[in-house]
Amino acid sequence: MTGILIAVLAYVLNQRGEIRRSKRQAHLDRINSQLRDLYGPLLVLVEANERTWDAFRERHLASREEREQAAGLTEEQSRLWRRWVLTVLVPTARQMRDVVLAHGDLFIEDEIPQLVLDFCAHVSSYEVAIVEWEAGEPGDVLVRHPGKGLARYIRDAYRSLKTAQAEVLRAQA
């Protein structure tokens, strides 16, 4: 009788251990997917766009205050701006939007963060402005970029997931 009881107890404990291992593995798989399919690509793209924007701004634009006092960009600045938007900034922004569309289910939060939704609306707003530019019109971008908060959110989420990934891997060791 004792032997049967020990066998049943061993079976139950083994099953519980397997369930815990399966849950940890599923958690690790989700984190890996979040890093690989969403936050990793977004981090690379947002960093590239931030560096490109900073370089363009430093080299070709006066400060925001000076531009506002001068009622906007000069003709030369406007021409350069459009070239950079069309060849660098918007193509990268489209890639970011496409990553969000393809993998929106992988966000850490229960809902897609407002910063990300604002960014996607900004990209769509540029689509209209580009069509207007091609028609020789001024082309207004109606939805502003959400700013540095977007890059900060993506960096922080990526770091958080890398920390969680390391913790799960340590627990499996």
N, C-alpha and C. Protein backbone atom coordinates (compact mmCIF):
# COMPACT_ATOMS: atom_id res chain seq x y z
N MET A 1 0.81 -1.20 0.00
CA MET A 1 0.00 0.00 0.00
C MET A 1 0.86 1.26 0.00
N THR A 2 1.93 1.24 0.78
CA THR A 2 2.83 2.38 0.86
C THR A 2 3.47 2.63 -0.50
N GLY A 3 3.80 1.56 -1.19
CA GLY A 3 4.40 1.68 -2.52
C GLY A 3 3.48 2.38 -3.50
N ILE A 4 2.20 2.05 -3.47
CA ILE A 4 1.21 2.68 -4.36
C ILE A 4 1.08 4.16 -4.02
N LEU A 5 1.04 4.47 -2.73
CA LEU A 5 0.92 5.85 -2.29
C LEU A 5 2.13 6.66 -2.74
N ILE A 6 3.32 6.10 -2.63
CA ILE A 6 4.55 6.78 -3.06
C ILE A 6 4.52 6.98 -4.58
N ALA A 7 4.08 5.99 -5.32
CA ALA A 7 4.01 6.10 -6.78
C ALA A 7 3.04 7.19 -7.21
N VAL A 8 1.86 7.24 -6.55
CA VAL A 8 0.86 8.27 -6.87
C VAL A 8 1.41 9.65 -6.53
N LEU A 9 2.04 9.78 -5.38
CA LEU A 9 2.61 11.05 -4.97
C LEU A 9 3.70 11.49 -5.94
N ALA A 10 4.56 10.56 -6.34
CA ALA A 10 5.61 10.88 -7.30
C ALA A 10 5.01 11.34 -8.63
N TYR A 11 3.95 10.67 -9.06
CA TYR A 11 3.28 11.04 -10.32
C TYR A 11 2.70 12.45 -10.22
N VAL A 12 2.02 12.74 -9.11
CA VAL A 12 1.39 14.07 -8.93
C VAL A 12 2.47 15.15 -8.90
N LEU A 13 3.54 14.93 -8.16
CA LEU A 13 4.62 15.92 -8.09
C LEU A 13 5.28 16.12 -9.45
N ASN A 14 5.47 15.02 -10.17
CA ASN A 14 6.05 15.11 -11.51
C ASN A 14 5.15 15.93 -12.44
N GLN A 15 3.86 15.68 -12.38
CA GLN A 15 2.90 16.43 -13.22
C GLN A 15 2.94 17.92 -12.89
N ARG A 16 2.97 18.24 -11.60
CA ARG A 16 3.03 19.65 -11.19
C ARG A 16 4.30 20.31 -11.72
N GLY A 17 5.41 19.59 -11.63
CA GLY A 17 6.67 20.11 -12.15
C GLY A 17 6.61 20.33 -13.65
N GLU A 18 5.99 19.39 -14.37
CA GLU A 18 5.84 19.53 -15.82
C GLU A 18 4.97 20.73 -16.18
N ILE A 19 3.90 20.93 -15.43
CA ILE A 19 3.02 22.07 -15.68
C ILE A 19 3.79 23.38 -15.46
N ARG A 20 4.57 23.46 -14.40
CA ARG A 20 5.38 24.67 -14.14
C ARG A 20 6.38 24.90 -15.27
N ARG A 21 7.05 23.84 -15.70
CA ARG A 21 8.03 23.96 -16.80
C ARG A 21 7.33 24.41 -18.08
N SER A 22 6.17 23.85 -18.35
CA SER A 22 5.41 24.24 -19.56
C SER A 22 5.00 25.70 -19.51
N LYS A 23 4.57 26.16 -18.34
CA LYS A 23 4.19 27.57 -18.20
C LYS A 23 5.39 28.49 -18.39
N ARG A 24 6.54 28.12 -17.79
CA ARG A 24 7.75 28.93 -17.97
C ARG A 24 8.16 28.96 -19.44
N GLN A 25 8.07 27.82 -20.11
CA GLN A 25 8.45 27.77 -21.52
C GLN A 25 7.50 28.62 -22.37
N ALA A 26 6.21 28.55 -22.08
CA ALA A 26 5.24 29.38 -22.82
C ALA A 26 5.52 30.86 -22.57
N HIS A 27 5.85 31.21 -21.34
CA HIS A 27 6.18 32.60 -21.00
C HIS A 27 7.43 33.04 -21.76
N LEU A 28 8.45 32.18 -21.77
CA LEU A 28 9.68 32.49 -22.50
C LEU A 28 9.41 32.62 -24.00
N ASP A 29 8.59 31.75 -24.54
CA ASP A 29 8.26 31.83 -25.97
C ASP A 29 7.58 33.15 -26.31
N ARG A 30 6.68 33.59 -25.45
CA ARG A 30 6.00 34.88 -25.67
C ARG A 30 7.00 36.04 -25.61
N ILE A 31 7.85 36.03 -24.60
CA ILE A 31 8.86 37.09 -24.49
C ILE A 31 9.76 37.09 -25.72
N ASN A 32 10.21 35.92 -26.13
CA ASN A 32 11.07 35.83 -27.32
C ASN A 32 10.37 36.39 -28.55
N SER A 33 9.09 36.08 -28.70
CA SER A 33 8.33 36.59 -29.84
C SER A 33 8.17 38.11 -29.75
N GLN A 34 7.90 38.62 -28.55
CA GLN A 34 7.77 40.06 -28.38
C GLN A 34 9.07 40.77 -28.77
N LEU A 35 10.20 40.20 -28.37
CA LEU A 35 11.49 40.80 -28.70
C LEU A 35 11.82 40.67 -30.19
N ARG A 36 11.62 39.49 -30.72
CA ARG A 36 11.99 39.20 -32.10
C ARG A 36 11.08 39.89 -33.11
N ASP A 37 9.77 39.86 -32.86
CA ASP A 37 8.82 40.29 -33.88
C ASP A 37 8.30 41.72 -33.70
N LEU A 38 8.38 42.27 -32.48
CA LEU A 38 7.80 43.59 -32.27
C LEU A 38 8.84 44.58 -31.73
N TYR A 39 9.24 44.41 -30.48
CA TYR A 39 10.08 45.42 -29.85
C TYR A 39 11.50 45.49 -30.43
N GLY A 40 12.08 44.38 -30.84
CA GLY A 40 13.41 44.41 -31.46
C GLY A 40 13.41 45.21 -32.75
N PRO A 41 12.53 44.84 -33.71
CA PRO A 41 12.49 45.64 -34.94
C PRO A 41 12.11 47.10 -34.70
N LEU A 42 11.16 47.35 -33.80
CA LEU A 42 10.79 48.74 -33.51
C LEU A 42 11.96 49.51 -32.92
N LEU A 43 12.72 48.87 -32.05
CA LEU A 43 13.86 49.56 -31.45
C LEU A 43 14.89 49.95 -32.51
N VAL A 44 15.23 49.04 -33.39
CA VAL A 44 16.21 49.35 -34.43
C VAL A 44 15.69 50.48 -35.32
N LEU A 45 14.44 50.39 -35.72
CA LEU A 45 13.88 51.41 -36.62
C LEU A 45 13.73 52.76 -35.94
N VAL A 46 13.27 52.78 -34.70
CA VAL A 46 13.10 54.06 -34.01
C VAL A 46 14.45 54.70 -33.74
N GLU A 47 15.44 53.91 -33.39
CA GLU A 47 16.78 54.47 -33.16
C GLU A 47 17.35 55.04 -34.46
N ALA A 48 17.17 54.33 -35.56
CA ALA A 48 17.64 54.84 -36.85
C ALA A 48 16.95 56.15 -37.19
N ASN A 49 15.64 56.21 -37.02
CA ASN A 49 14.90 57.43 -37.34
C ASN A 49 15.29 58.58 -36.40
N GLU A 50 15.48 58.29 -35.12
CA GLU A 50 15.88 59.34 -34.17
C GLU A 50 17.24 59.91 -34.54
N ARG A 51 18.17 59.05 -34.86
CA ARG A 51 19.52 59.53 -35.22
C ARG A 51 19.50 60.30 -36.53
N THR A 52 18.73 59.81 -37.49
CA THR A 52 18.62 60.51 -38.77
C THR A 52 17.98 61.88 -38.59
N TRP A 53 16.89 61.94 -37.83
CA TRP A 53 16.20 63.20 -37.57
C TRP A 53 17.14 64.18 -36.86
N ASP A 54 17.84 63.70 -35.82
CA ASP A 54 18.76 64.57 -35.08
C ASP A 54 19.85 65.12 -36.00
N ALA A 55 20.41 64.27 -36.85
CA ALA A 55 21.46 64.71 -37.76
C ALA A 55 20.92 65.73 -38.76
N PHE A 56 19.74 65.47 -39.31
CA PHE A 56 19.14 66.42 -40.25
C PHE A 56 18.89 67.76 -39.56
N ARG A 57 18.28 67.70 -38.40
CA ARG A 57 17.92 68.93 -37.68
C ARG A 57 19.16 69.75 -37.34
N GLU A 58 20.21 69.08 -36.84
CA GLU A 58 21.44 69.79 -36.48
C GLU A 58 22.10 70.44 -37.69
N ARG A 59 22.06 69.77 -38.80
CA ARG A 59 22.78 70.26 -39.98
C ARG A 59 21.98 71.27 -40.80
N HIS A 60 20.66 71.08 -40.88
CA HIS A 60 19.89 71.86 -41.85
C HIS A 60 18.83 72.80 -41.28
N LEU A 61 18.49 72.66 -40.00
CA LEU A 61 17.39 73.46 -39.47
C LEU A 61 17.83 74.38 -38.35
N ALA A 62 17.23 75.54 -38.32
CA ALA A 62 17.39 76.43 -37.18
C ALA A 62 16.55 75.84 -36.03
N SER A 63 16.66 76.41 -34.87
CA SER A 63 15.86 75.93 -33.74
C SER A 63 14.38 76.13 -34.04
N ARG A 64 13.55 75.40 -33.31
CA ARG A 64 12.10 75.51 -33.49
C ARG A 64 11.64 76.96 -33.28
N GLU A 65 12.18 77.62 -32.25
CA GLU A 65 11.80 79.00 -31.97
C GLU A 65 12.15 79.92 -33.15
N GLU A 66 13.35 79.74 -33.69
CA GLU A 66 13.77 80.56 -34.84
C GLU A 66 12.90 80.30 -36.06
N ARG A 67 12.54 79.04 -36.27
CA ARG A 67 11.67 78.72 -37.42
C ARG A 67 10.29 79.33 -37.24
N GLU A 68 9.76 79.29 -36.01
CA GLU A 68 8.44 79.88 -35.75
C GLU A 68 8.47 81.39 -35.94
N GLN A 69 9.56 82.04 -35.51
CA GLN A 69 9.69 83.48 -35.68
C GLN A 69 9.81 83.85 -37.15
N ALA A 70 10.44 82.99 -37.93
CA ALA A 70 10.62 83.26 -39.35
C ALA A 70 9.44 82.74 -40.17
N ALA A 71 8.39 82.32 -39.51
CA ALA A 71 7.18 81.80 -40.17
C ALA A 71 7.47 80.53 -40.97
N GLY A 72 8.32 79.66 -40.42
CA GLY A 72 8.52 78.35 -41.04
C GLY A 72 9.89 78.18 -41.67
N LEU A 73 9.95 77.24 -42.58
CA LEU A 73 11.20 76.89 -43.24
C LEU A 73 11.46 77.79 -44.44
N THR A 74 12.73 77.98 -44.74
CA THR A 74 13.07 78.67 -45.99
C THR A 74 12.75 77.72 -47.15
N GLU A 75 12.80 78.23 -48.35
CA GLU A 75 12.53 77.39 -49.52
C GLU A 75 13.55 76.25 -49.62
N GLU A 76 14.82 76.56 -49.37
CA GLU A 76 15.87 75.55 -49.41
C GLU A 76 15.66 74.50 -48.32
N GLN A 77 15.34 74.93 -47.10
CA GLN A 77 15.07 73.99 -46.01
C GLN A 77 13.87 73.11 -46.33
N SER A 78 12.86 73.69 -46.92
CA SER A 78 11.66 72.94 -47.28
C SER A 78 11.99 71.88 -48.33
N ARG A 79 12.80 72.23 -49.31
CA ARG A 79 13.19 71.27 -50.35
C ARG A 79 13.99 70.12 -49.73
N LEU A 80 14.95 70.45 -48.88
CA LEU A 80 15.74 69.43 -48.20
C LEU A 80 14.86 68.55 -47.31
N TRP A 81 13.95 69.19 -46.59
CA TRP A 81 13.05 68.47 -45.69
C TRP A 81 12.26 67.42 -46.46
N ARG A 82 11.68 67.82 -47.55
CA ARG A 82 10.89 66.88 -48.35
C ARG A 82 11.74 65.72 -48.85
N ARG A 83 12.95 66.02 -49.27
CA ARG A 83 13.83 64.96 -49.76
C ARG A 83 14.12 63.96 -48.64
N TRP A 84 14.44 64.44 -47.45
CA TRP A 84 14.73 63.56 -46.32
C TRP A 84 13.49 62.79 -45.89
N VAL A 85 12.37 63.44 -45.88
CA VAL A 85 11.12 62.77 -45.51
C VAL A 85 10.83 61.63 -46.49
N LEU A 86 10.93 61.93 -47.77
CA LEU A 86 10.57 60.95 -48.80
C LEU A 86 11.56 59.79 -48.89
N THR A 87 12.83 60.05 -48.64
CA THR A 87 13.83 58.99 -48.86
C THR A 87 14.25 58.26 -47.59
N VAL A 88 14.10 58.90 -46.43
CA VAL A 88 14.60 58.28 -45.20
C VAL A 88 13.51 58.14 -44.14
N LEU A 89 12.96 59.26 -43.71
CA LEU A 89 12.10 59.25 -42.52
C LEU A 89 10.78 58.50 -42.73
N VAL A 90 10.07 58.80 -43.80
CA VAL A 90 8.78 58.13 -44.01
C VAL A 90 8.95 56.64 -44.35
N PRO A 91 9.91 56.25 -45.19
CA PRO A 91 10.06 54.80 -45.40
C PRO A 91 10.33 54.03 -44.11
N THR A 92 11.14 54.58 -43.23
CA THR A 92 11.40 53.91 -41.95
C THR A 92 10.14 53.93 -41.09
N ALA A 93 9.43 55.05 -41.08
CA ALA A 93 8.19 55.15 -40.31
C ALA A 93 7.15 54.15 -40.82
N ARG A 94 7.09 53.97 -42.12
CA ARG A 94 6.15 52.98 -42.67
C ARG A 94 6.51 51.58 -42.19
N GLN A 95 7.81 51.28 -42.15
CA GLN A 95 8.24 49.96 -41.66
C GLN A 95 7.80 49.78 -40.21
N MET A 96 7.95 50.82 -39.41
CA MET A 96 7.53 50.75 -38.01
C MET A 96 6.04 50.51 -37.91
N ARG A 97 5.28 51.26 -38.69
CA ARG A 97 3.82 51.08 -38.68
C ARG A 97 3.45 49.66 -39.09
N ASP A 98 4.14 49.13 -40.10
CA ASP A 98 3.86 47.78 -40.58
C ASP A 98 4.17 46.73 -39.51
N VAL A 99 5.23 46.94 -38.74
CA VAL A 99 5.56 46.03 -37.64
C VAL A 99 4.42 46.06 -36.61
N VAL A 100 3.93 47.25 -36.30
CA VAL A 100 2.82 47.38 -35.34
C VAL A 100 1.58 46.68 -35.88
N LEU A 101 1.27 46.88 -37.15
CA LEU A 101 0.09 46.25 -37.74
C LEU A 101 0.20 44.72 -37.73
N ALA A 102 1.39 44.22 -38.02
CA ALA A 102 1.57 42.78 -38.11
C ALA A 102 1.65 42.10 -36.74
N HIS A 103 2.13 42.83 -35.73
CA HIS A 103 2.40 42.19 -34.45
C HIS A 103 1.82 42.96 -33.26
N GLY A 104 0.74 43.66 -33.48
CA GLY A 104 0.10 44.44 -32.42
C GLY A 104 -0.35 43.61 -31.23
N ASP A 105 -0.51 42.32 -31.43
CA ASP A 105 -0.93 41.45 -30.33
C ASP A 105 0.20 41.18 -29.34
N LEU A 106 1.41 41.61 -29.66
CA LEU A 106 2.56 41.31 -28.81
C LEU A 106 2.93 42.44 -27.85
N PHE A 107 2.17 43.52 -27.83
CA PHE A 107 2.48 44.59 -26.90
C PHE A 107 2.38 44.09 -25.47
N ILE A 108 3.19 44.64 -24.61
CA ILE A 108 3.21 44.25 -23.20
C ILE A 108 1.86 44.57 -22.56
N GLU A 109 1.33 45.72 -22.92
CA GLU A 109 0.07 46.17 -22.32
C GLU A 109 -1.11 45.41 -22.91
N ASP A 110 -2.26 45.56 -22.26
CA ASP A 110 -3.48 44.93 -22.75
C ASP A 110 -3.99 45.60 -24.03
N GLU A 111 -3.65 46.87 -24.20
CA GLU A 111 -4.06 47.62 -25.38
C GLU A 111 -2.82 48.24 -26.01
N ILE A 112 -2.91 48.58 -27.28
CA ILE A 112 -1.79 49.25 -27.93
C ILE A 112 -1.63 50.63 -27.30
N PRO A 113 -0.43 50.98 -26.87
CA PRO A 113 -0.21 52.26 -26.20
C PRO A 113 -0.59 53.45 -27.09
N GLN A 114 -1.10 54.49 -26.45
CA GLN A 114 -1.55 55.68 -27.17
C GLN A 114 -0.42 56.30 -27.99
N LEU A 115 0.79 56.31 -27.45
CA LEU A 115 1.94 56.85 -28.20
C LEU A 115 2.11 56.14 -29.54
N VAL A 116 1.93 54.84 -29.54
CA VAL A 116 2.08 54.05 -30.76
C VAL A 116 0.94 54.36 -31.73
N LEU A 117 -0.28 54.47 -31.21
CA LEU A 117 -1.41 54.82 -32.07
C LEU A 117 -1.23 56.22 -32.66
N ASP A 118 -0.73 57.15 -31.85
CA ASP A 118 -0.47 58.50 -32.34
C ASP A 118 0.58 58.48 -33.44
N PHE A 119 1.61 57.64 -33.25
CA PHE A 119 2.65 57.53 -34.28
C PHE A 119 2.06 57.00 -35.58
N CYS A 120 1.22 55.97 -35.50
CA CYS A 120 0.61 55.41 -36.71
C CYS A 120 -0.26 56.45 -37.41
N ALA A 121 -0.97 57.26 -36.64
CA ALA A 121 -1.78 58.34 -37.23
C ALA A 121 -0.88 59.38 -37.89
N HIS A 122 0.25 59.65 -37.29
CA HIS A 122 1.23 60.59 -37.86
C HIS A 122 1.71 60.08 -39.22
N VAL A 123 2.03 58.80 -39.30
CA VAL A 123 2.48 58.22 -40.57
C VAL A 123 1.38 58.35 -41.63
N SER A 124 0.16 58.05 -41.25
CA SER A 124 -0.96 58.18 -42.20
C SER A 124 -1.13 59.63 -42.64
N SER A 125 -0.93 60.55 -41.73
CA SER A 125 -1.03 61.97 -42.05
C SER A 125 0.03 62.35 -43.09
N TYR A 126 1.22 61.79 -42.97
CA TYR A 126 2.26 62.05 -43.96
C TYR A 126 1.89 61.51 -45.33
N GLU A 127 1.17 60.40 -45.36
CA GLU A 127 0.77 59.83 -46.66
C GLU A 127 -0.01 60.85 -47.47
N VAL A 128 -0.91 61.58 -46.82
CA VAL A 128 -1.71 62.61 -47.49
C VAL A 128 -0.81 63.78 -47.89
N ALA A 129 0.07 64.20 -47.00
CA ALA A 129 0.97 65.32 -47.31
C ALA A 129 1.84 65.00 -48.52
N ILE A 130 2.30 63.77 -48.62
CA ILE A 130 3.15 63.38 -49.75
C ILE A 130 2.38 63.47 -51.06
N VAL A 131 1.14 63.01 -51.06
CA VAL A 131 0.30 63.12 -52.27
C VAL A 131 0.13 64.60 -52.63
N GLU A 132 -0.08 65.45 -51.63
CA GLU A 132 -0.21 66.89 -51.90
C GLU A 132 1.08 67.46 -52.46
N TRP A 133 2.24 67.05 -51.91
CA TRP A 133 3.52 67.52 -52.44
C TRP A 133 3.67 67.14 -53.90
N GLU A 134 3.31 65.90 -54.21
CA GLU A 134 3.42 65.43 -55.59
C GLU A 134 2.52 66.23 -56.53
N ALA A 135 1.44 66.80 -56.01
CA ALA A 135 0.53 67.62 -56.81
C ALA A 135 0.95 69.08 -56.81
N GLY A 136 2.11 69.38 -56.19
CA GLY A 136 2.61 70.75 -56.16
C GLY A 136 1.97 71.61 -55.08
N GLU A 137 1.28 70.99 -54.16
CA GLU A 137 0.63 71.72 -53.06
C GLU A 137 1.53 71.70 -51.83
N PRO A 138 1.27 72.60 -50.86
CA PRO A 138 2.15 72.67 -49.67
C PRO A 138 2.16 71.37 -48.85
N GLY A 139 1.03 70.74 -48.66
CA GLY A 139 0.97 69.47 -47.93
C GLY A 139 1.18 69.61 -46.44
N ASP A 140 0.09 69.66 -45.72
CA ASP A 140 0.15 69.75 -44.25
C ASP A 140 0.14 68.37 -43.63
N VAL A 141 0.96 68.20 -42.60
CA VAL A 141 0.94 66.99 -41.79
C VAL A 141 0.07 67.32 -40.59
N LEU A 142 -1.12 66.75 -40.56
CA LEU A 142 -2.12 67.14 -39.56
C LEU A 142 -1.89 66.53 -38.19
N VAL A 143 -1.24 65.37 -38.13
CA VAL A 143 -1.01 64.70 -36.85
C VAL A 143 0.49 64.75 -36.54
N ARG A 144 0.82 65.42 -35.45
CA ARG A 144 2.23 65.57 -35.06
C ARG A 144 2.81 64.24 -34.57
N HIS A 145 4.10 64.11 -34.74
CA HIS A 145 4.85 62.97 -34.20
C HIS A 145 4.74 63.02 -32.68
N PRO A 146 4.59 61.87 -32.02
CA PRO A 146 4.45 61.89 -30.55
C PRO A 146 5.72 62.30 -29.80
N GLY A 147 6.82 62.47 -30.50
CA GLY A 147 8.02 62.98 -29.87
C GLY A 147 8.90 61.91 -29.26
N LYS A 148 9.81 62.36 -28.42
CA LYS A 148 10.82 61.48 -27.80
C LYS A 148 10.19 60.40 -26.92
N GLY A 149 8.95 60.61 -26.48
CA GLY A 149 8.29 59.62 -25.64
C GLY A 149 8.14 58.27 -26.32
N LEU A 150 7.97 58.28 -27.64
CA LEU A 150 7.83 57.01 -28.37
C LEU A 150 9.12 56.20 -28.29
N ALA A 151 10.24 56.84 -28.57
CA ALA A 151 11.53 56.14 -28.50
C ALA A 151 11.79 55.66 -27.07
N ARG A 152 11.48 56.50 -26.09
CA ARG A 152 11.68 56.13 -24.69
C ARG A 152 10.82 54.91 -24.33
N TYR A 153 9.57 54.90 -24.77
CA TYR A 153 8.68 53.77 -24.49
C TYR A 153 9.26 52.48 -25.09
N ILE A 154 9.69 52.53 -26.33
CA ILE A 154 10.21 51.33 -27.00
C ILE A 154 11.49 50.85 -26.33
N ARG A 155 12.39 51.78 -26.00
CA ARG A 155 13.63 51.40 -25.31
C ARG A 155 13.32 50.73 -23.97
N ASP A 156 12.43 51.36 -23.19
CA ASP A 156 12.10 50.83 -21.86
C ASP A 156 11.43 49.46 -21.95
N ALA A 157 10.52 49.30 -22.89
CA ALA A 157 9.84 48.01 -23.05
C ALA A 157 10.82 46.93 -23.47
N TYR A 158 11.74 47.27 -24.39
CA TYR A 158 12.74 46.31 -24.83
C TYR A 158 13.62 45.87 -23.65
N ARG A 159 14.10 46.83 -22.87
CA ARG A 159 14.93 46.51 -21.70
C ARG A 159 14.17 45.65 -20.70
N SER A 160 12.92 45.99 -20.46
CA SER A 160 12.09 45.23 -19.52
C SER A 160 11.94 43.78 -19.98
N LEU A 161 11.70 43.60 -21.26
CA LEU A 161 11.56 42.24 -21.79
C LEU A 161 12.87 41.47 -21.74
N LYS A 162 13.99 42.14 -22.00
CA LYS A 162 15.29 41.46 -21.91
C LYS A 162 15.56 41.02 -20.47
N THR A 163 15.18 41.84 -19.50
CA THR A 163 15.33 41.47 -18.10
C THR A 163 14.44 40.27 -17.77
N ALA A 164 13.20 40.30 -18.21
CA ALA A 164 12.28 39.19 -17.96
C ALA A 164 12.78 37.91 -18.63
N GLN A 165 13.31 38.04 -19.83
CA GLN A 165 13.85 36.89 -20.55
C GLN A 165 15.01 36.26 -19.75
N ALA A 166 15.90 37.10 -19.25
CA ALA A 166 17.04 36.60 -18.47
C ALA A 166 16.57 35.91 -17.20
N GLU A 167 15.55 36.45 -16.55
CA GLU A 167 15.02 35.83 -15.34
C GLU A 167 14.42 34.46 -15.61
N VAL A 168 13.68 34.34 -16.69
CA VAL A 168 13.09 33.05 -17.02
C VAL A 168 14.17 32.04 -17.39
N LEU A 169 15.18 32.48 -18.10
CA LEU A 169 16.27 31.58 -18.46
C LEU A 169 17.04 31.12 -17.22
N ARG A 170 17.25 32.03 -16.27
CA ARG A 170 17.92 31.65 -15.00
C ARG A 170 17.08 30.62 -14.25
N ALA A 171 15.77 30.81 -14.25
CA ALA A 171 14.90 29.88 -13.52
C ALA A 171 14.89 28.50 -14.17
N GLN A 172 15.13 28.45 -15.47
CA GLN A 172 15.16 27.15 -16.15
C GLN A 172 16.46 26.42 -15.97
N ALA A 173 17.51 27.17 -15.62
CA ALA A 173 18.85 26.55 -15.50
C ALA A 173 18.96 25.65 -14.30
